[in-house]
């Protein structure tokens, strides 16, 4: 009986420690991400707050239920990607976002089109991965300072980099298979 209790205790400790390890790895990843970001920690927190405010506003309006809208805030600029069914919804989203506390600029890249399907979302994820890998491999680009967002084969690039690095990142993205357009949202 004691042997089973010892095994149970060892298994419990193992599970608990693996949970701690996962939490530690996650916390470390967040810390590294915050440390390598070109924005101050305060600006990063402001951007997260802006994203949450915008998302809350958009989710709170039932007219936008049948849309797909990605919201990315960077240095108080908000990038909108996705699909809406008509120009009145496009204008509504623009109005809601522009009137959100903390937003200084809006890059509205919404398209009046049907909402993309899961297969397209998967393709977009693959495109983003390929671009990020190539940015990391390029010695002339600080990939950690660049956000890559793909929506329906259109790639948006955001970040605080030099004009030369921005040009190089745009060139890399343009030459990835499947990309139909590159949106320059660099600051």
Protein backbone atom coordinates (compact mmCIF):
# COMPACT_ATOMS: atom_id res chain seq x y z
CA UNK A 1 0.00 0.00 0.00
CA UNK A 2 2.83 2.39 0.88
CA UNK A 3 4.40 1.68 -2.49
CA UNK A 4 1.24 2.87 -4.29
CA UNK A 5 1.10 5.97 -2.10
CA UNK A 6 4.71 6.74 -2.96
CA UNK A 7 4.01 6.28 -6.68
CA UNK A 8 0.91 8.46 -6.41
CA UNK A 9 2.88 11.15 -4.57
CA UNK A 10 5.65 11.01 -7.18
CA UNK A 11 3.14 11.25 -10.03
CA UNK A 12 1.37 14.16 -8.35
CA UNK A 13 4.65 16.00 -7.81
CA UNK A 14 5.63 15.36 -11.42
CA UNK A 15 2.35 16.77 -12.71
CA UNK A 16 2.57 19.78 -10.42
CA UNK A 17 6.17 20.47 -11.40
CA UNK A 18 5.40 20.16 -15.11
CA UNK A 19 2.63 22.72 -14.62
CA UNK A 20 5.10 25.02 -12.88
CA UNK A 21 7.55 24.53 -15.72
CA UNK A 22 4.90 25.44 -18.29
CA UNK A 23 3.96 28.53 -16.31
CA UNK A 24 7.62 29.48 -15.96
CA UNK A 25 8.24 29.03 -19.69
CA UNK A 26 5.15 31.10 -20.51
CA UNK A 27 6.14 33.88 -18.13
CA UNK A 28 9.68 33.87 -19.50
CA UNK A 29 8.38 34.12 -23.08
CA UNK A 30 6.22 37.11 -22.14
CA UNK A 31 9.17 38.74 -20.39
CA UNK A 32 11.47 38.19 -23.36
CA UNK A 33 8.83 39.50 -25.75
CA UNK A 34 8.38 42.64 -23.66
CA UNK A 35 12.13 43.13 -23.35
CA UNK A 36 12.83 42.79 -27.08
CA UNK A 37 9.96 45.04 -28.16
CA UNK A 38 11.09 48.44 -29.45
CA UNK A 39 8.29 50.12 -27.47
CA UNK A 40 8.51 50.97 -23.79
CA UNK A 41 6.69 48.66 -21.40
CA UNK A 42 4.20 51.47 -20.74
CA UNK A 43 3.48 51.84 -24.45
CA UNK A 44 3.06 48.07 -24.80
CA UNK A 45 0.50 48.12 -21.99
CA UNK A 46 -1.26 51.13 -23.54
CA UNK A 47 -1.47 49.28 -26.87
CA UNK A 48 -2.93 46.19 -25.20
CA UNK A 49 -5.49 48.39 -23.46
CA UNK A 50 -6.37 50.09 -26.76
CA UNK A 51 -6.83 46.70 -28.46
CA UNK A 52 -9.13 45.54 -25.68
CA UNK A 53 -11.17 48.76 -25.81
CA UNK A 54 -11.57 48.54 -29.58
CA UNK A 55 -12.47 44.83 -29.50
CA UNK A 56 -14.99 45.45 -26.72
CA UNK A 57 -16.62 48.25 -28.76
CA UNK A 58 -16.78 46.14 -31.91
CA UNK A 59 -18.07 43.03 -30.12
CA UNK A 60 -20.67 45.18 -28.35
CA UNK A 61 -22.31 46.26 -31.62
CA UNK A 62 -24.63 43.55 -32.97
CA UNK A 63 -24.48 45.07 -36.48
CA UNK A 64 -20.93 43.69 -36.67
CA UNK A 65 -21.85 40.10 -35.79
CA UNK A 66 -21.32 38.78 -39.33
CA UNK A 67 -17.93 40.42 -39.88
CA UNK A 68 -14.34 39.38 -39.32
CA UNK A 69 -12.14 42.11 -37.90
CA UNK A 70 -8.57 41.79 -36.64
CA UNK A 71 -7.39 44.61 -34.39
CA UNK A 72 -3.70 45.31 -33.83
CA UNK A 73 -2.48 48.32 -31.87
CA UNK A 74 1.11 49.50 -32.11
CA UNK A 75 2.31 52.80 -30.67
CA UNK A 76 -1.31 54.02 -30.38
CA UNK A 77 -1.93 53.32 -34.09
CA UNK A 78 -4.62 50.75 -34.79
CA UNK A 79 -4.51 48.44 -37.80
CA UNK A 80 -7.81 46.91 -38.91
CA UNK A 81 -7.85 43.88 -41.20
CA UNK A 82 -10.75 41.71 -42.20
CA UNK A 83 -14.05 41.69 -43.99
CA UNK A 84 -17.33 43.59 -43.65
CA UNK A 85 -20.40 43.16 -45.84
CA UNK A 86 -20.95 46.77 -46.93
CA UNK A 87 -19.65 50.34 -46.83
CA UNK A 88 -21.95 51.36 -43.97
CA UNK A 89 -20.30 48.76 -41.71
CA UNK A 90 -16.87 49.87 -42.93
CA UNK A 91 -17.74 53.45 -41.94
CA UNK A 92 -19.22 52.31 -38.61
CA UNK A 93 -16.05 50.42 -37.67
CA UNK A 94 -13.92 53.38 -38.69
CA UNK A 95 -16.03 55.71 -36.53
CA UNK A 96 -16.00 53.40 -33.50
CA UNK A 97 -12.24 52.89 -33.63
CA UNK A 98 -11.37 56.55 -34.24
CA UNK A 99 -13.45 57.49 -31.22
CA UNK A 100 -11.77 55.01 -28.90
CA UNK A 101 -9.74 56.49 -26.07
CA UNK A 102 -6.00 56.33 -26.74
CA UNK A 103 -6.18 55.81 -30.51
CA UNK A 104 -4.05 58.33 -32.41
CA UNK A 105 -4.23 56.84 -35.93
CA UNK A 106 -6.24 54.20 -37.77
CA UNK A 107 -4.98 52.07 -40.67
CA UNK A 108 -8.30 50.76 -41.96
CA UNK A 109 -7.54 47.87 -44.28
CA UNK A 110 -10.97 46.26 -44.01
CA UNK A 111 -12.37 44.85 -47.23
CA UNK A 112 -16.00 44.83 -48.31
CA UNK A 113 -16.15 41.12 -49.02
CA UNK A 114 -17.48 37.82 -47.65
CA UNK A 115 -15.82 36.61 -44.45
CA UNK A 116 -12.89 34.28 -45.18
CA UNK A 117 -13.12 30.60 -44.28
CA UNK A 118 -10.94 28.42 -42.06
CA UNK A 119 -8.91 27.17 -45.03
CA UNK A 120 -7.93 30.74 -45.90
CA UNK A 121 -7.12 31.50 -42.26
CA UNK A 122 -4.76 28.49 -42.30
CA UNK A 123 -3.10 29.74 -45.49
CA UNK A 124 -2.67 33.16 -43.89
CA UNK A 125 -1.04 31.59 -40.84
CA UNK A 126 1.37 29.72 -43.12
CA UNK A 127 2.23 32.92 -45.02
CA UNK A 128 2.89 34.76 -41.74
CA UNK A 129 5.16 31.93 -40.57
CA UNK A 130 7.16 31.97 -43.80
CA UNK A 131 7.62 35.74 -43.64
CA UNK A 132 8.65 35.70 -39.97
CA UNK A 133 11.18 32.94 -40.66
CA UNK A 134 12.72 34.93 -43.50
CA UNK A 135 12.81 38.11 -41.41
CA UNK A 136 14.62 36.26 -38.62
CA UNK A 137 17.11 34.83 -41.13
CA UNK A 138 17.93 38.27 -42.56
CA UNK A 139 20.85 39.88 -40.70
CA UNK A 140 19.80 43.38 -41.81
CA UNK A 141 16.33 43.23 -40.26
CA UNK A 142 15.43 43.33 -36.57
CA UNK A 143 12.61 40.81 -36.83
CA UNK A 144 11.67 41.16 -33.15
CA UNK A 145 10.65 44.77 -33.88
CA UNK A 146 8.26 43.84 -36.68
CA UNK A 147 4.68 42.59 -36.41
CA UNK A 148 3.46 40.49 -39.33
CA UNK A 149 -0.29 40.09 -39.79
CA UNK A 150 -1.82 38.27 -42.76
CA UNK A 151 -5.45 38.43 -43.81
CA UNK A 152 -6.72 36.87 -47.05
CA UNK A 153 -3.20 36.78 -48.58
CA UNK A 154 -2.61 40.46 -47.75
CA UNK A 155 0.29 41.06 -45.39
CA UNK A 156 0.51 44.04 -43.06
CA UNK A 157 3.82 44.99 -41.47
CA UNK A 158 4.00 47.18 -38.36
CA UNK A 159 6.83 48.26 -36.14
CA UNK A 160 9.48 50.77 -35.24
CA UNK A 161 12.40 50.14 -37.58
CA UNK A 162 14.69 52.20 -39.78
CA UNK A 163 13.50 53.04 -43.32
CA UNK A 164 16.08 50.60 -44.69
CA UNK A 165 14.81 47.78 -42.49
CA UNK A 166 11.22 48.61 -43.46
CA UNK A 167 12.09 48.43 -47.16
CA UNK A 168 13.89 45.12 -46.65
CA UNK A 169 10.97 43.65 -44.68
CA UNK A 170 8.49 44.78 -47.35
CA UNK A 171 10.67 43.23 -50.05
CA UNK A 172 10.87 39.96 -48.13
CA UNK A 173 7.08 39.85 -47.66
CA UNK A 174 6.38 40.70 -51.33
CA UNK A 175 8.48 37.76 -52.48
CA UNK A 176 6.77 35.12 -50.34
CA UNK A 177 4.55 32.77 -52.32
CA UNK A 178 0.85 33.50 -51.89
CA UNK A 179 1.17 37.16 -50.90
CA UNK A 180 -1.06 39.40 -53.03
CA UNK A 181 -0.39 42.73 -51.32
CA UNK A 182 1.90 44.19 -48.64
CA UNK A 183 0.53 46.93 -46.41
CA UNK A 184 3.18 49.25 -45.00
CA UNK A 185 2.03 50.29 -41.53
CA UNK A 186 5.54 51.04 -40.22
CA UNK A 187 6.11 54.11 -38.10
